Amino acid sequence: MFTKIKKYFREVITELKQTSWPSKNDTKNMTLLVFLVATLLALYLGGLDFLLQKIMGILI
């Protein structure tokens, strides 16, 4: 049982060594991009919701 656990962790370490991690600058840029897209999407959906509420208020 313990040999399987040891083998699993050895394989995990091997895979992690092969992983190419993004640079600090890449991580910062992608984080800012995600924040910007999320903010723009929230503003768009909020504006659309507000507009549809006003239209429904006029119709009702």
C-alpha atoms as a PDB file:
ATOM      1  CA  MET A   1       0.000   0.000   0.000  1.00  0.00           C
ATOM      2  CA  PHE A   2       2.746   2.462   0.935  1.00  0.00           C
ATOM      3  CA  THR A   3       4.639   1.692  -2.275  1.00  0.00           C
ATOM      4  CA  LYS A   4       1.683   2.925  -4.322  1.00  0.00           C
ATOM      5  CA  ILE A   5       1.552   6.137  -2.297  1.00  0.00           C
ATOM      6  CA  LYS A   6       5.308   6.670  -2.728  1.00  0.00           C
ATOM      7  CA  LYS A   7       5.014   6.029  -6.465  1.00  0.00           C
ATOM      8  CA  TYR A   8       2.127   8.498  -6.723  1.00  0.00           C
ATOM      9  CA  PHE A   9       4.093  11.290  -5.023  1.00  0.00           C
ATOM     10  CA  ARG A  10       7.201  10.550  -7.114  1.00  0.00           C
ATOM     11  CA  GLU A  11       5.092  10.904 -10.276  1.00  0.00           C
ATOM     12  CA  VAL A  12       3.539  14.128  -8.977  1.00  0.00           C
ATOM     13  CA  ILE A  13       6.992  15.615  -8.348  1.00  0.00           C
ATOM     14  CA  THR A  14       8.149  14.526 -11.819  1.00  0.00           C
ATOM     15  CA  GLU A  15       5.146  16.190 -13.451  1.00  0.00           C
ATOM     16  CA  LEU A  16       5.602  19.394 -11.450  1.00  0.00           C
ATOM     17  CA  LYS A  17       9.234  19.622 -12.609  1.00  0.00           C
ATOM     18  CA  GLN A  18       8.045  19.440 -16.231  1.00  0.00           C
ATOM     19  CA  THR A  19       5.467  22.198 -15.765  1.00  0.00           C
ATOM     20  CA  SER A  20       6.278  25.577 -17.286  1.00  0.00           C
ATOM     21  CA  TRP A  21       5.122  28.222 -14.856  1.00  0.00           C
ATOM     22  CA  PRO A  22       4.253  31.738 -16.063  1.00  0.00           C
ATOM     23  CA  SER A  23       6.560  34.578 -15.138  1.00  0.00           C
ATOM     24  CA  LYS A  24       5.619  37.111 -12.497  1.00  0.00           C
ATOM     25  CA  ASN A  25       4.959  39.702 -15.202  1.00  0.00           C
ATOM     26  CA  ASP A  26       2.737  37.304 -17.186  1.00  0.00           C
ATOM     27  CA  THR A  27       0.760  36.482 -14.061  1.00  0.00           C
ATOM     28  CA  LYS A  28       0.269  40.184 -13.289  1.00  0.00           C
ATOM     29  CA  ASN A  29      -0.859  40.929 -16.856  1.00  0.00           C
ATOM     30  CA  MET A  30      -3.320  38.034 -16.977  1.00  0.00           C
ATOM     31  CA  THR A  31      -4.747  38.986 -13.567  1.00  0.00           C
ATOM     32  CA  LEU A  32      -5.320  42.549 -14.756  1.00  0.00           C
ATOM     33  CA  LEU A  33      -6.935  41.249 -17.951  1.00  0.00           C
ATOM     34  CA  VAL A  34      -9.318  39.007 -16.013  1.00  0.00           C
ATOM     35  CA  PHE A  35     -10.209  41.893 -13.685  1.00  0.00           C
ATOM     36  CA  LEU A  36     -10.848  44.219 -16.635  1.00  0.00           C
ATOM     37  CA  VAL A  37     -13.015  41.715 -18.510  1.00  0.00           C
ATOM     38  CA  ALA A  38     -15.005  40.873 -15.363  1.00  0.00           C
ATOM     39  CA  THR A  39     -15.566  44.575 -14.639  1.00  0.00           C
ATOM     40  CA  LEU A  40     -16.683  45.321 -18.192  1.00  0.00           C
ATOM     41  CA  LEU A  41     -19.019  42.327 -18.196  1.00  0.00           C
ATOM     42  CA  ALA A  42     -20.520  43.393 -14.849  1.00  0.00           C
ATOM     43  CA  LEU A  43     -21.087  46.940 -16.149  1.00  0.00           C
ATOM     44  CA  TYR A  44     -22.673  45.618 -19.352  1.00  0.00           C
ATOM     45  CA  LEU A  45     -25.004  43.243 -17.520  1.00  0.00           C
ATOM     46  CA  GLY A  46     -25.880  45.877 -14.917  1.00  0.00           C
ATOM     47  CA  GLY A  47     -26.701  48.392 -17.655  1.00  0.00           C
ATOM     48  CA  LEU A  48     -28.766  45.855 -19.555  1.00  0.00           C
ATOM     49  CA  ASP A  49     -30.674  44.964 -16.375  1.00  0.00           C
ATOM     50  CA  PHE A  50     -31.333  48.637 -15.636  1.00  0.00           C
ATOM     51  CA  LEU A  51     -32.548  49.246 -19.205  1.00  0.00           C
ATOM     52  CA  LEU A  52     -34.861  46.237 -19.174  1.00  0.00           C
ATOM     53  CA  GLN A  53     -36.300  47.295 -15.786  1.00  0.00           C
ATOM     54  CA  LYS A  54     -37.124  50.728 -17.202  1.00  0.00           C
ATOM     55  CA  ILE A  55     -38.739  49.191 -20.301  1.00  0.00           C
ATOM     56  CA  MET A  56     -40.810  46.812 -18.180  1.00  0.00           C
ATOM     57  CA  GLY A  57     -41.813  49.710 -15.913  1.00  0.00           C
ATOM     58  CA  ILE A  58     -43.108  51.644 -18.934  1.00  0.00           C
ATOM     59  CA  LEU A  59     -44.996  48.624 -20.316  1.00  0.00           C
ATOM     60  CA  ILE A  60     -46.585  47.704 -17.010  1.00  0.00           C
END
